[in-house]
C-alpha atoms as a PDB file:
ATOM      1  CA  UNK A   1      72.683  -3.513 -20.559  1.00  0.00           C
ATOM      2  CA  UNK A   2      71.653  -6.104 -17.974  1.00  0.00           C
ATOM      3  CA  UNK A   3      73.427  -9.356 -17.197  1.00  0.00           C
ATOM      4  CA  UNK A   4      71.741 -12.599 -16.140  1.00  0.00           C
ATOM      5  CA  UNK A   5      69.453 -12.110 -13.156  1.00  0.00           C
ATOM      6  CA  UNK A   6      67.014 -14.297 -11.198  1.00  0.00           C
ATOM      7  CA  UNK A   7      64.236 -12.993  -8.970  1.00  0.00           C
ATOM      8  CA  UNK A   8      63.319 -15.798  -6.627  1.00  0.00           C
ATOM      9  CA  UNK A   9      60.626 -16.014  -3.955  1.00  0.00           C
ATOM     10  CA  UNK A  10      58.842 -16.607  -1.805  1.00  0.00           C
ATOM     11  CA  UNK A  11      57.920 -12.952  -1.301  1.00  0.00           C
ATOM     12  CA  UNK A  12      55.853 -11.745   1.644  1.00  0.00           C
ATOM     13  CA  UNK A  13      53.925  -8.982  -0.131  1.00  0.00           C
ATOM     14  CA  UNK A  14      50.403  -9.842  -1.188  1.00  0.00           C
ATOM     15  CA  UNK A  15      51.045  -8.394  -4.666  1.00  0.00           C
ATOM     16  CA  UNK A  16      54.444  -7.563  -6.112  1.00  0.00           C
ATOM     17  CA  UNK A  17      54.659  -5.134  -9.058  1.00  0.00           C
ATOM     18  CA  UNK A  18      57.770  -5.323 -11.236  1.00  0.00           C
ATOM     19  CA  UNK A  19      58.276  -2.593 -13.822  1.00  0.00           C
ATOM     20  CA  UNK A  20      60.361  -2.857 -16.975  1.00  0.00           C
ATOM     21  CA  UNK A  21      60.914   0.479 -18.714  1.00  0.00           C
ATOM     22  CA  UNK A  22      63.123   1.707 -21.515  1.00  0.00           C
ATOM     23  CA  UNK A  23      65.168  -0.695 -23.627  1.00  0.00           C
ATOM     24  CA  UNK A  24      66.895  -3.480 -21.694  1.00  0.00           C
ATOM     25  CA  UNK A  25      69.638  -5.286 -23.614  1.00  0.00           C
ATOM     26  CA  UNK A  26      71.006  -8.782 -23.033  1.00  0.00           C
ATOM     27  CA  UNK A  27      74.687  -9.709 -23.291  1.00  0.00           C
ATOM     28  CA  UNK A  28      75.578 -10.436 -26.890  1.00  0.00           C
ATOM     29  CA  UNK A  29      77.335 -13.698 -26.031  1.00  0.00           C
ATOM     30  CA  UNK A  30      74.999 -16.602 -25.177  1.00  0.00           C
ATOM     31  CA  UNK A  31      77.619 -18.132 -22.876  1.00  0.00           C
ATOM     32  CA  UNK A  32      76.306 -15.957 -20.075  1.00  0.00           C
ATOM     33  CA  UNK A  33      72.974 -17.782 -19.995  1.00  0.00           C
ATOM     34  CA  UNK A  34      73.247 -20.811 -22.251  1.00  0.00           C
ATOM     35  CA  UNK A  35      70.423 -23.287 -21.567  1.00  0.00           C
ATOM     36  CA  UNK A  36      68.851 -20.943 -19.032  1.00  0.00           C
ATOM     37  CA  UNK A  37      66.967 -17.636 -18.854  1.00  0.00           C
ATOM     38  CA  UNK A  38      68.339 -14.132 -19.157  1.00  0.00           C
ATOM     39  CA  UNK A  39      65.758 -12.747 -16.715  1.00  0.00           C
ATOM     40  CA  UNK A  40      63.838 -15.265 -14.631  1.00  0.00           C
ATOM     41  CA  UNK A  41      61.151 -15.284 -11.966  1.00  0.00           C
ATOM     42  CA  UNK A  42      60.818 -18.300  -9.694  1.00  0.00           C
ATOM     43  CA  UNK A  43      58.576 -19.404  -6.822  1.00  0.00           C
ATOM     44  CA  UNK A  44      56.529 -16.199  -6.673  1.00  0.00           C
ATOM     45  CA  UNK A  45      52.787 -15.700  -6.145  1.00  0.00           C
ATOM     46  CA  UNK A  46      50.712 -12.619  -7.002  1.00  0.00           C
ATOM     47  CA  UNK A  47      53.107 -10.920  -9.418  1.00  0.00           C
ATOM     48  CA  UNK A  48      52.460  -8.094 -11.890  1.00  0.00           C
ATOM     49  CA  UNK A  49      55.024  -7.288 -14.597  1.00  0.00           C
ATOM     50  CA  UNK A  50      54.385  -4.111 -16.578  1.00  0.00           C
ATOM     51  CA  UNK A  51      55.982  -0.829 -17.596  1.00  0.00           C
ATOM     52  CA  UNK A  52      55.870  -0.678 -21.395  1.00  0.00           C
ATOM     53  CA  UNK A  53      59.570  -1.464 -21.788  1.00  0.00           C
ATOM     54  CA  UNK A  54      61.458  -3.504 -24.366  1.00  0.00           C
ATOM     55  CA  UNK A  55      63.596  -6.590 -23.754  1.00  0.00           C
ATOM     56  CA  UNK A  56      66.185  -6.855 -26.518  1.00  0.00           C
ATOM     57  CA  UNK A  57      67.792 -10.307 -26.486  1.00  0.00           C
ATOM     58  CA  UNK A  58      70.310  -9.296 -29.197  1.00  0.00           C
ATOM     59  CA  UNK A  59      69.870 -12.738 -30.702  1.00  0.00           C
ATOM     60  CA  UNK A  60      71.381 -11.837 -34.067  1.00  0.00           C
ATOM     61  CA  UNK A  61      74.844 -12.218 -32.505  1.00  0.00           C
ATOM     62  CA  UNK A  62      74.224 -15.920 -31.863  1.00  0.00           C
ATOM     63  CA  UNK A  63      71.608 -17.208 -34.331  1.00  0.00           C
ATOM     64  CA  UNK A  64      73.045 -20.162 -36.194  1.00  0.00           C
ATOM     65  CA  UNK A  65      76.369 -19.971 -34.366  1.00  0.00           C
ATOM     66  CA  UNK A  66      75.749 -21.573 -30.975  1.00  0.00           C
ATOM     67  CA  UNK A  67      73.812 -24.675 -29.970  1.00  0.00           C
ATOM     68  CA  UNK A  68      72.209 -23.593 -26.732  1.00  0.00           C
ATOM     69  CA  UNK A  69      68.750 -22.626 -25.556  1.00  0.00           C
ATOM     70  CA  UNK A  70      68.662 -19.134 -24.072  1.00  0.00           C
ATOM     71  CA  UNK A  71      65.289 -17.763 -22.980  1.00  0.00           C
ATOM     72  CA  UNK A  72      64.657 -14.031 -22.666  1.00  0.00           C
ATOM     73  CA  UNK A  73      62.095 -14.149 -19.842  1.00  0.00           C
ATOM     74  CA  UNK A  74      61.557 -17.333 -17.839  1.00  0.00           C
ATOM     75  CA  UNK A  75      58.777 -18.171 -15.378  1.00  0.00           C
ATOM     76  CA  UNK A  76      59.175 -21.207 -13.128  1.00  0.00           C
ATOM     77  CA  UNK A  77      56.549 -22.110 -10.519  1.00  0.00           C
ATOM     78  CA  UNK A  78      54.968 -18.646 -10.663  1.00  0.00           C
ATOM     79  CA  UNK A  79      51.262 -18.306  -9.841  1.00  0.00           C
ATOM     80  CA  UNK A  80      48.573 -15.624 -10.044  1.00  0.00           C
ATOM     81  CA  UNK A  81      50.592 -13.439 -12.395  1.00  0.00           C
ATOM     82  CA  UNK A  82      49.825 -10.764 -14.997  1.00  0.00           C
ATOM     83  CA  UNK A  83      52.348  -9.768 -17.661  1.00  0.00           C
ATOM     84  CA  UNK A  84      51.218  -6.756 -19.710  1.00  0.00           C
ATOM     85  CA  UNK A  85      52.411  -3.951 -21.978  1.00  0.00           C
ATOM     86  CA  UNK A  86      55.850  -5.434 -22.722  1.00  0.00           C
ATOM     87  CA  UNK A  87      57.836  -5.820 -25.933  1.00  0.00           C
ATOM     88  CA  UNK A  88      60.337  -8.649 -26.431  1.00  0.00           C
ATOM     89  CA  UNK A  89      62.526  -8.567 -29.516  1.00  0.00           C
ATOM     90  CA  UNK A  90      65.294 -10.662 -31.082  1.00  0.00           C
ATOM     91  CA  UNK A  91      65.510 -13.337 -28.407  1.00  0.00           C
ATOM     92  CA  UNK A  92      68.410 -15.737 -28.633  1.00  0.00           C
ATOM     93  CA  UNK A  93      65.940 -18.615 -28.362  1.00  0.00           C
ATOM     94  CA  UNK A  94      62.494 -18.659 -26.711  1.00  0.00           C
ATOM     95  CA  UNK A  95      61.063 -15.253 -25.780  1.00  0.00           C
ATOM     96  CA  UNK A  96      58.794 -16.135 -22.818  1.00  0.00           C
ATOM     97  CA  UNK A  97      59.006 -19.597 -21.239  1.00  0.00           C
ATOM     98  CA  UNK A  98      56.326 -20.774 -18.815  1.00  0.00           C
ATOM     99  CA  UNK A  99      56.983 -23.891 -16.716  1.00  0.00           C
ATOM    100  CA  UNK A 100      55.101 -25.192 -13.708  1.00  0.00           C
ATOM    101  CA  UNK A 101      52.916 -22.080 -13.514  1.00  0.00           C
ATOM    102  CA  UNK A 102      49.238 -21.498 -12.729  1.00  0.00           C
ATOM    103  CA  UNK A 103      46.684 -18.753 -13.281  1.00  0.00           C
ATOM    104  CA  UNK A 104      48.849 -16.538 -15.451  1.00  0.00           C
ATOM    105  CA  UNK A 105      47.830 -13.904 -18.025  1.00  0.00           C
ATOM    106  CA  UNK A 106      49.829 -12.325 -20.852  1.00  0.00           C
ATOM    107  CA  UNK A 107      48.027  -9.237 -22.137  1.00  0.00           C
ATOM    108  CA  UNK A 108      49.006  -6.647 -24.748  1.00  0.00           C
ATOM    109  CA  UNK A 109      52.498  -8.022 -25.267  1.00  0.00           C
ATOM    110  CA  UNK A 110      54.427  -7.547 -28.504  1.00  0.00           C
ATOM    111  CA  UNK A 111      56.937 -10.240 -29.449  1.00  0.00           C
ATOM    112  CA  UNK A 112      59.104  -9.940 -32.543  1.00  0.00           C
ATOM    113  CA  UNK A 113      62.009 -11.672 -34.270  1.00  0.00           C
ATOM    114  CA  UNK A 114      62.878 -12.153 -37.962  1.00  0.00           C
ATOM    115  CA  UNK A 115      61.248 -15.085 -39.767  1.00  0.00           C
ATOM    116  CA  UNK A 116      64.660 -16.759 -40.235  1.00  0.00           C
ATOM    117  CA  UNK A 117      65.638 -16.603 -36.552  1.00  0.00           C
ATOM    118  CA  UNK A 118      65.913 -20.199 -35.241  1.00  0.00           C
ATOM    119  CA  UNK A 119      63.827 -21.536 -32.348  1.00  0.00           C
ATOM    120  CA  UNK A 120      62.515 -18.134 -31.314  1.00  0.00           C
ATOM    121  CA  UNK A 121      59.151 -19.330 -29.967  1.00  0.00           C
ATOM    122  CA  UNK A 122      57.038 -16.436 -28.751  1.00  0.00           C
ATOM    123  CA  UNK A 123      55.384 -17.978 -25.686  1.00  0.00           C
ATOM    124  CA  UNK A 124      56.364 -21.541 -24.798  1.00  0.00           C
ATOM    125  CA  UNK A 125      54.096 -23.281 -22.262  1.00  0.00           C
ATOM    126  CA  UNK A 126      54.624 -26.597 -20.469  1.00  0.00           C
ATOM    127  CA  UNK A 127      53.347 -28.274 -17.290  1.00  0.00           C
ATOM    128  CA  UNK A 128      51.165 -25.262 -16.569  1.00  0.00           C
ATOM    129  CA  UNK A 129      47.461 -24.692 -15.911  1.00  0.00           C
ATOM    130  CA  UNK A 130      45.056 -21.831 -16.542  1.00  0.00           C
ATOM    131  CA  UNK A 131      47.296 -19.735 -18.794  1.00  0.00           C
ATOM    132  CA  UNK A 132      45.765 -16.877 -20.829  1.00  0.00           C
ATOM    133  CA  UNK A 133      47.298 -15.061 -23.812  1.00  0.00           C
ATOM    134  CA  UNK A 134      45.168 -12.069 -24.796  1.00  0.00           C
ATOM    135  CA  UNK A 135      45.198  -9.192 -27.300  1.00  0.00           C
ATOM    136  CA  UNK A 136      48.830  -9.530 -28.351  1.00  0.00           C
ATOM    137  CA  UNK A 137      50.972  -9.528 -31.482  1.00  0.00           C
ATOM    138  CA  UNK A 138      53.570 -12.262 -31.955  1.00  0.00           C
ATOM    139  CA  UNK A 139      55.862 -12.590 -34.961  1.00  0.00           C
ATOM    140  CA  UNK A 140      58.907 -14.874 -34.745  1.00  0.00           C
ATOM    141  CA  UNK A 141      61.028 -17.451 -36.517  1.00  0.00           C
ATOM    142  CA  UNK A 142      59.250 -20.367 -34.835  1.00  0.00           C
ATOM    143  CA  UNK A 143      55.918 -21.014 -33.125  1.00  0.00           C
ATOM    144  CA  UNK A 144      54.062 -17.882 -32.091  1.00  0.00           C
ATOM    145  CA  UNK A 145      52.660 -19.911 -29.195  1.00  0.00           C
ATOM    146  CA  UNK A 146      53.834 -23.436 -28.385  1.00  0.00           C
ATOM    147  CA  UNK A 147      51.919 -25.632 -25.948  1.00  0.00           C
ATOM    148  CA  UNK A 148      53.754 -28.817 -25.117  1.00  0.00           C
ATOM    149  CA  UNK A 149      53.437 -31.521 -22.446  1.00  0.00           C
ATOM    150  CA  UNK A 150      51.333 -30.608 -19.420  1.00  0.00           C
ATOM    151  CA  UNK A 151      49.550 -27.665 -21.064  1.00  0.00           C
ATOM    152  CA  UNK A 152      46.131 -27.651 -19.427  1.00  0.00           C
ATOM    153  CA  UNK A 153      43.299 -25.129 -19.665  1.00  0.00           C
ATOM    154  CA  UNK A 154      45.009 -22.681 -22.015  1.00  0.00           C
ATOM    155  CA  UNK A 155      43.015 -19.749 -23.405  1.00  0.00           C
ATOM    156  CA  UNK A 156      44.284 -17.760 -26.402  1.00  0.00           C
ATOM    157  CA  UNK A 157      42.205 -14.860 -27.716  1.00  0.00           C
ATOM    158  CA  UNK A 158      42.785 -11.768 -29.816  1.00  0.00           C
ATOM    159  CA  UNK A 159      46.282 -12.798 -30.899  1.00  0.00           C
ATOM    160  CA  UNK A 160      47.777 -11.802 -34.253  1.00  0.00           C
ATOM    161  CA  UNK A 161      50.478 -14.265 -35.328  1.00  0.00           C
ATOM    162  CA  UNK A 162      52.977 -13.728 -38.126  1.00  0.00           C
ATOM    163  CA  UNK A 163      55.591 -14.360 -39.256  1.00  0.00           C
ATOM    164  CA  UNK A 164      56.240 -17.717 -37.620  1.00  0.00           C
ATOM    165  CA  UNK A 165      55.189 -21.330 -37.529  1.00  0.00           C
ATOM    166  CA  UNK A 166      51.702 -20.681 -36.177  1.00  0.00           C
ATOM    167  CA  UNK A 167      49.902 -21.642 -32.961  1.00  0.00           C
ATOM    168  CA  UNK A 168      51.075 -25.149 -32.096  1.00  0.00           C
ATOM    169  CA  UNK A 169      50.250 -27.957 -29.716  1.00  0.00           C
ATOM    170  CA  UNK A 170      53.236 -30.269 -29.386  1.00  0.00           C
ATOM    171  CA  UNK A 171      55.333 -31.858 -30.284  1.00  0.00           C
ATOM    172  CA  UNK A 172      54.226 -34.689 -27.982  1.00  0.00           C
ATOM    173  CA  UNK A 173      55.284 -38.329 -27.787  1.00  0.00           C
ATOM    174  CA  UNK A 174      58.912 -37.654 -26.963  1.00  0.00           C
ATOM    175  CA  UNK A 175      58.546 -38.687 -23.290  1.00  0.00           C
ATOM    176  CA  UNK A 176      56.059 -41.056 -21.593  1.00  0.00           C
ATOM    177  CA  UNK A 177      52.490 -39.949 -20.840  1.00  0.00           C
ATOM    178  CA  UNK A 178      52.640 -36.441 -22.269  1.00  0.00           C
ATOM    179  CA  UNK A 179      49.237 -34.736 -22.196  1.00  0.00           C
ATOM    180  CA  UNK A 180      47.766 -31.487 -23.566  1.00  0.00           C
ATOM    181  CA  UNK A 181      44.090 -30.785 -22.922  1.00  0.00           C
ATOM    182  CA  UNK A 182      41.372 -28.163 -22.594  1.00  0.00           C
ATOM    183  CA  UNK A 183      42.889 -25.650 -24.999  1.00  0.00           C
ATOM    184  CA  UNK A 184      40.803 -22.821 -26.479  1.00  0.00           C
ATOM    185  CA  UNK A 185      41.961 -20.589 -29.349  1.00  0.00           C
ATOM    186  CA  UNK A 186      39.498 -17.895 -30.414  1.00  0.00           C
ATOM    187  CA  UNK A 187      39.335 -14.653 -32.424  1.00  0.00           C
ATOM    188  CA  UNK A 188      42.904 -14.877 -33.719  1.00  0.00           C
ATOM    189  CA  UNK A 189      44.503 -13.869 -37.030  1.00  0.00           C
ATOM    190  CA  UNK A 190      47.432 -15.631 -38.675  1.00  0.00           C
ATOM    191  CA  UNK A 191      49.313 -13.826 -41.441  1.00  0.00           C
ATOM    192  CA  UNK A 192      51.849 -15.452 -43.763  1.00  0.00           C
ATOM    193  CA  UNK A 193      52.765 -18.186 -41.305  1.00  0.00           C
ATOM    194  CA  UNK A 194      54.138 -21.610 -42.134  1.00  0.00           C
ATOM    195  CA  UNK A 195      51.292 -23.250 -40.221  1.00  0.00           C
ATOM    196  CA  UNK A 196      48.036 -22.002 -38.821  1.00  0.00           C
ATOM    197  CA  UNK A 197      46.479 -24.252 -36.193  1.00  0.00           C
ATOM    198  CA  UNK A 198      48.828 -27.195 -35.711  1.00  0.00           C
ATOM    199  CA  UNK A 199      48.908 -30.313 -33.547  1.00  0.00           C
ATOM    200  CA  UNK A 200      52.100 -32.336 -33.917  1.00  0.00           C
ATOM    201  CA  UNK A 201      53.269 -35.627 -32.398  1.00  0.00           C
ATOM    202  CA  UNK A 202      56.318 -37.764 -32.911  1.00  0.00           C
ATOM    203  CA  UNK A 203      55.980 -41.041 -34.778  1.00  0.00           C
ATOM    204  CA  UNK A 204      56.964 -43.215 -31.826  1.00  0.00           C
ATOM    205  CA  UNK A 205      55.601 -45.872 -29.453  1.00  0.00           C
ATOM    206  CA  UNK A 206      55.486 -43.474 -26.476  1.00  0.00           C
ATOM    207  CA  UNK A 207      51.917 -43.059 -25.218  1.00  0.00           C
ATOM    208  CA  UNK A 208      50.271 -39.648 -24.772  1.00  0.00           C
ATOM    209  CA  UNK A 209      46.977 -37.768 -25.152  1.00  0.00           C
ATOM    210  CA  UNK A 210      45.676 -34.588 -26.756  1.00  0.00           C
ATOM    211  CA  UNK A 211      42.029 -33.917 -25.942  1.00  0.00           C
ATOM    212  CA  UNK A 212      39.344 -31.226 -25.863  1.00  0.00           C
ATOM    213  CA  UNK A 213      40.887 -28.715 -28.252  1.00  0.00           C
ATOM    214  CA  UNK A 214      38.719 -25.902 -29.599  1.00  0.00           C
ATOM    215  CA  UNK A 215      39.531 -23.432 -32.376  1.00  0.00           C
ATOM    216  CA  UNK A 216      36.921 -20.797 -33.186  1.00  0.00           C
ATOM    217  CA  UNK A 217      36.618 -17.644 -35.310  1.00  0.00           C
ATOM    218  CA  UNK A 218      40.099 -17.731 -36.847  1.00  0.00           C
ATOM    219  CA  UNK A 219      41.236 -15.704 -39.862  1.00  0.00           C
ATOM    220  CA  UNK A 220      43.998 -17.052 -42.118  1.00  0.00           C
ATOM    221  CA  UNK A 221      45.884 -14.808 -44.538  1.00  0.00           C
ATOM    222  CA  UNK A 222      48.236 -16.616 -46.953  1.00  0.00           C
ATOM    223  CA  UNK A 223      48.992 -19.377 -44.440  1.00  0.00           C
ATOM    224  CA  UNK A 224      50.831 -22.386 -45.846  1.00  0.00           C
ATOM    225  CA  UNK A 225      49.076 -25.047 -43.727  1.00  0.00           C
ATOM    226  CA  UNK A 226      46.000 -23.405 -42.200  1.00  0.00           C
ATOM    227  CA  UNK A 227      44.716 -26.554 -40.440  1.00  0.00           C
ATOM    228  CA  UNK A 228      47.180 -29.350 -39.788  1.00  0.00           C
ATOM    229  CA  UNK A 229      47.387 -32.407 -37.562  1.00  0.00           C
ATOM    230  CA  UNK A 230      50.762 -34.069 -38.103  1.00  0.00           C
ATOM    231  CA  UNK A 231      51.339 -37.346 -36.273  1.00  0.00           C
ATOM    232  CA  UNK A 232      54.441 -38.108 -38.302  1.00  0.00           C
ATOM    233  CA  UNK A 233      56.390 -35.084 -37.082  1.00  0.00           C
ATOM    234  CA  UNK A 234      60.068 -35.496 -37.887  1.00  0.00           C
ATOM    235  CA  UNK A 235      62.288 -32.396 -38.076  1.00  0.00           C
ATOM    236  CA  UNK A 236      65.442 -34.510 -38.438  1.00  0.00           C
ATOM    237  CA  UNK A 237      66.564 -37.335 -40.702  1.00  0.00           C
ATOM    238  CA  UNK A 238      66.682 -39.937 -37.944  1.00  0.00           C
ATOM    239  CA  UNK A 239      63.153 -40.568 -36.690  1.00  0.00           C
ATOM    240  CA  UNK A 240      61.155 -43.623 -35.724  1.00  0.00           C
ATOM    241  CA  UNK A 241      58.965 -45.082 -38.442  1.00  0.00           C
ATOM    242  CA  UNK A 242      56.472 -46.469 -35.916  1.00  0.00           C
ATOM    243  CA  UNK A 243      52.907 -45.102 -35.873  1.00  0.00           C
ATOM    244  CA  UNK A 244      52.375 -42.482 -33.220  1.00  0.00           C
ATOM    245  CA  UNK A 245      50.932 -43.730 -29.914  1.00  0.00           C
ATOM    246  CA  UNK A 246      49.570 -40.317 -28.975  1.00  0.00           C
ATOM    247  CA  UNK A 247      45.767 -40.312 -29.046  1.00  0.00           C
ATOM    248  CA  UNK A 248      44.195 -37.121 -30.439  1.00  0.00           C
ATOM    249  CA  UNK A 249      40.463 -36.713 -29.876  1.00  0.00           C
ATOM    250  CA  UNK A 250      37.680 -34.168 -29.417  1.00  0.00           C
ATOM    251  CA  UNK A 251      39.142 -31.423 -31.614  1.00  0.00           C
ATOM    252  CA  UNK A 252      36.805 -28.765 -33.057  1.00  0.00           C
ATOM    253  CA  UNK A 253      37.568 -26.277 -35.833  1.00  0.00           C
ATOM    254  CA  UNK A 254      34.711 -23.764 -36.034  1.00  0.00           C
ATOM    255  CA  UNK A 255      34.474 -20.814 -38.441  1.00  0.00           C
ATOM    256  CA  UNK A 256      37.994 -20.940 -39.860  1.00  0.00           C
ATOM    257  CA  UNK A 257      38.227 -18.692 -42.919  1.00  0.00           C
ATOM    258  CA  UNK A 258      40.706 -16.988 -45.199  1.00  0.00           C
ATOM    259  CA  UNK A 259      43.402 -18.117 -47.603  1.00  0.00           C
ATOM    260  CA  UNK A 260      45.971 -20.874 -47.937  1.00  0.00           C
ATOM    261  CA  UNK A 261      49.279 -20.315 -49.724  1.00  0.00           C
ATOM    262  CA  UNK A 262      49.455 -24.033 -50.556  1.00  0.00           C
ATOM    263  CA  UNK A 263      47.091 -26.340 -52.389  1.00  0.00           C
ATOM    264  CA  UNK A 264      46.266 -28.353 -49.275  1.00  0.00           C
ATOM    265  CA  UNK A 265      44.428 -26.132 -46.831  1.00  0.00           C
ATOM    266  CA  UNK A 266      43.454 -28.951 -44.460  1.00  0.00           C
ATOM    267  CA  UNK A 267      45.796 -31.800 -43.463  1.00  0.00           C
ATOM    268  CA  UNK A 268      44.650 -34.384 -40.927  1.00  0.00           C
ATOM    269  CA  UNK A 269      47.517 -36.888 -40.936  1.00  0.00           C
ATOM    270  CA  UNK A 270      46.692 -39.052 -37.935  1.00  0.00           C
ATOM    271  CA  UNK A 271      48.130 -42.219 -36.436  1.00  0.00           C
ATOM    272  CA  UNK A 272      47.369 -45.587 -38.006  1.00  0.00           C
ATOM    273  CA  UNK A 273      47.613 -47.144 -34.537  1.00  0.00           C
ATOM    274  CA  UNK A 274      45.495 -44.555 -32.684  1.00  0.00           C
ATOM    275  CA  UNK A 275      43.345 -42.759 -35.277  1.00  0.00           C
ATOM    276  CA  UNK A 276      42.113 -39.272 -34.453  1.00  0.00           C
ATOM    277  CA  UNK A 277      38.616 -39.372 -32.965  1.00  0.00           C
ATOM    278  CA  UNK A 278      35.762 -36.883 -33.018  1.00  0.00           C
ATOM    279  CA  UNK A 279      37.379 -34.272 -35.245  1.00  0.00           C
ATOM    280  CA  UNK A 280      34.726 -31.634 -35.999  1.00  0.00           C
ATOM    281  CA  UNK A 281      34.990 -29.233 -38.938  1.00  0.00           C
ATOM    282  CA  UNK A 282      32.252 -26.598 -38.958  1.00  0.00           C
ATOM    283  CA  UNK A 283      32.017 -23.683 -41.390  1.00  0.00           C
ATOM    284  CA  UNK A 284      35.452 -23.975 -42.985  1.00  0.00           C
ATOM    285  CA  UNK A 285      36.074 -21.473 -45.794  1.00  0.00           C
ATOM    286  CA  UNK A 286      39.678 -21.572 -47.006  1.00  0.00           C
ATOM    287  CA  UNK A 287      40.647 -20.643 -50.562  1.00  0.00           C
ATOM    288  CA  UNK A 288      43.894 -21.229 -52.448  1.00  0.00           C
ATOM    289  CA  UNK A 289      45.483 -17.773 -52.495  1.00  0.00           C
ATOM    290  CA  UNK A 290      46.442 -16.465 -55.926  1.00  0.00           C
ATOM    291  CA  UNK A 291      45.303 -19.556 -57.836  1.00  0.00           C
ATOM    292  CA  UNK A 292      42.209 -20.419 -59.819  1.00  0.00           C
ATOM    293  CA  UNK A 293      42.241 -24.007 -58.549  1.00  0.00           C
ATOM    294  CA  UNK A 294      40.403 -24.876 -55.368  1.00  0.00           C
ATOM    295  CA  UNK A 295      42.272 -25.825 -52.215  1.00  0.00           C
ATOM    296  CA  UNK A 296      41.996 -29.461 -51.142  1.00  0.00           C
ATOM    297  CA  UNK A 297      41.893 -31.478 -47.930  1.00  0.00           C
ATOM    298  CA  UNK A 298      43.921 -34.558 -47.001  1.00  0.00           C
ATOM    299  CA  UNK A 299      42.945 -37.087 -44.343  1.00  0.00           C
ATOM    300  CA  UNK A 300      44.611 -40.233 -43.040  1.00  0.00           C
ATOM    301  CA  UNK A 301      43.131 -42.208 -40.126  1.00  0.00           C
ATOM    302  CA  UNK A 302      40.926 -39.277 -39.102  1.00  0.00           C
ATOM    303  CA  UNK A 303      37.429 -39.916 -37.772  1.00  0.00           C
ATOM    304  CA  UNK A 304      34.890 -37.142 -37.372  1.00  0.00           C
ATOM    305  CA  UNK A 305      32.350 -35.083 -39.246  1.00  0.00           C
ATOM    306  CA  UNK A 306      31.967 -31.843 -41.155  1.00  0.00           C
ATOM    307  CA  UNK A 307      29.012 -29.484 -40.920  1.00  0.00           C
ATOM    308  CA  UNK A 308      28.079 -26.133 -42.417  1.00  0.00           C
ATOM    309  CA  UNK A 309      30.239 -24.689 -45.172  1.00  0.00           C
ATOM    310  CA  UNK A 310      32.909 -27.086 -46.451  1.00  0.00           C
ATOM    311  CA  UNK A 311      35.624 -25.385 -48.472  1.00  0.00           C
ATOM    312  CA  UNK A 312      37.705 -27.314 -49.258  1.00  0.00           C
ATOM    313  CA  UNK A 313      35.340 -30.305 -49.246  1.00  0.00           C
ATOM    314  CA  UNK A 314      35.860 -32.437 -46.159  1.00  0.00           C
ATOM    315  CA  UNK A 315      37.758 -35.704 -46.353  1.00  0.00           C
ATOM    316  CA  UNK A 316      36.762 -36.905 -42.867  1.00  0.00           C
ATOM    317  CA  UNK A 317      35.602 -40.499 -42.531  1.00  0.00           C
ATOM    318  CA  UNK A 318      33.003 -41.154 -39.830  1.00  0.00           C
ATOM    319  CA  UNK A 319      33.187 -44.924 -40.337  1.00  0.00           C
ATOM    320  CA  UNK A 320      36.749 -45.690 -39.224  1.00  0.00           C
END
């Protein structure tokens, strides 16, 4: 059992190795670290976290009972860091939160929480550059990986996601000038997730940009929304009805294959005010799992083109 702890730099060593071994358990009550991190690292350069241990957030004691955001492992303004061979389970809220960080790699991490656990994002990235997530398994009650405002040059490869809400960019458009760009997702598998590859923005007048997004060699297994751009994101009843002012452009989906658990395998629901631009679909092969009918595609205000295999048939309009 370990209480709330913060490891704060600067540290004078050229490389600091931090080992986590055995099973480390968080306090059952979230009041100890409500709206903060259970274990956090701040203002440190050249850090290695390893050891093969397990961080047990004991989130089942608080899920659905307390309205606070409690992160298992938080990184703030940490640079040149490798996190490897760790297991995080049953976080109270987000498992790993990355803010203001640069040149950071997560490798061979295992993140798990039940599919009904609320807001248990696996890896949550914001205002960070050159972040890599490699060869890992993430199954949670929310996004496996969430990339929100300020996510720049993110590389995701060899990740298996499920259960969860998929690999998500956004939501954006909640604060002025939110940007996500240069994001690469490759060689990943999504199993039984609510969404596959998702970009989501609020329907609001707040300006933002999502650009240069590349998805390649992705396998979908019984995913409800394998490919989805949602610019009318509204998880509550009280949302703006204005068209989104977030511009989404230069997004490529290449060699996306597998099965959809819903009839619509591709949804490109873009903004009427700022239509999506240069959306590329190449070699898409998504079938409607367990049904004889073919899966379909839906487009609204989406400009781009489809090449190679088109299943379901593309609905993109290159003349908007």
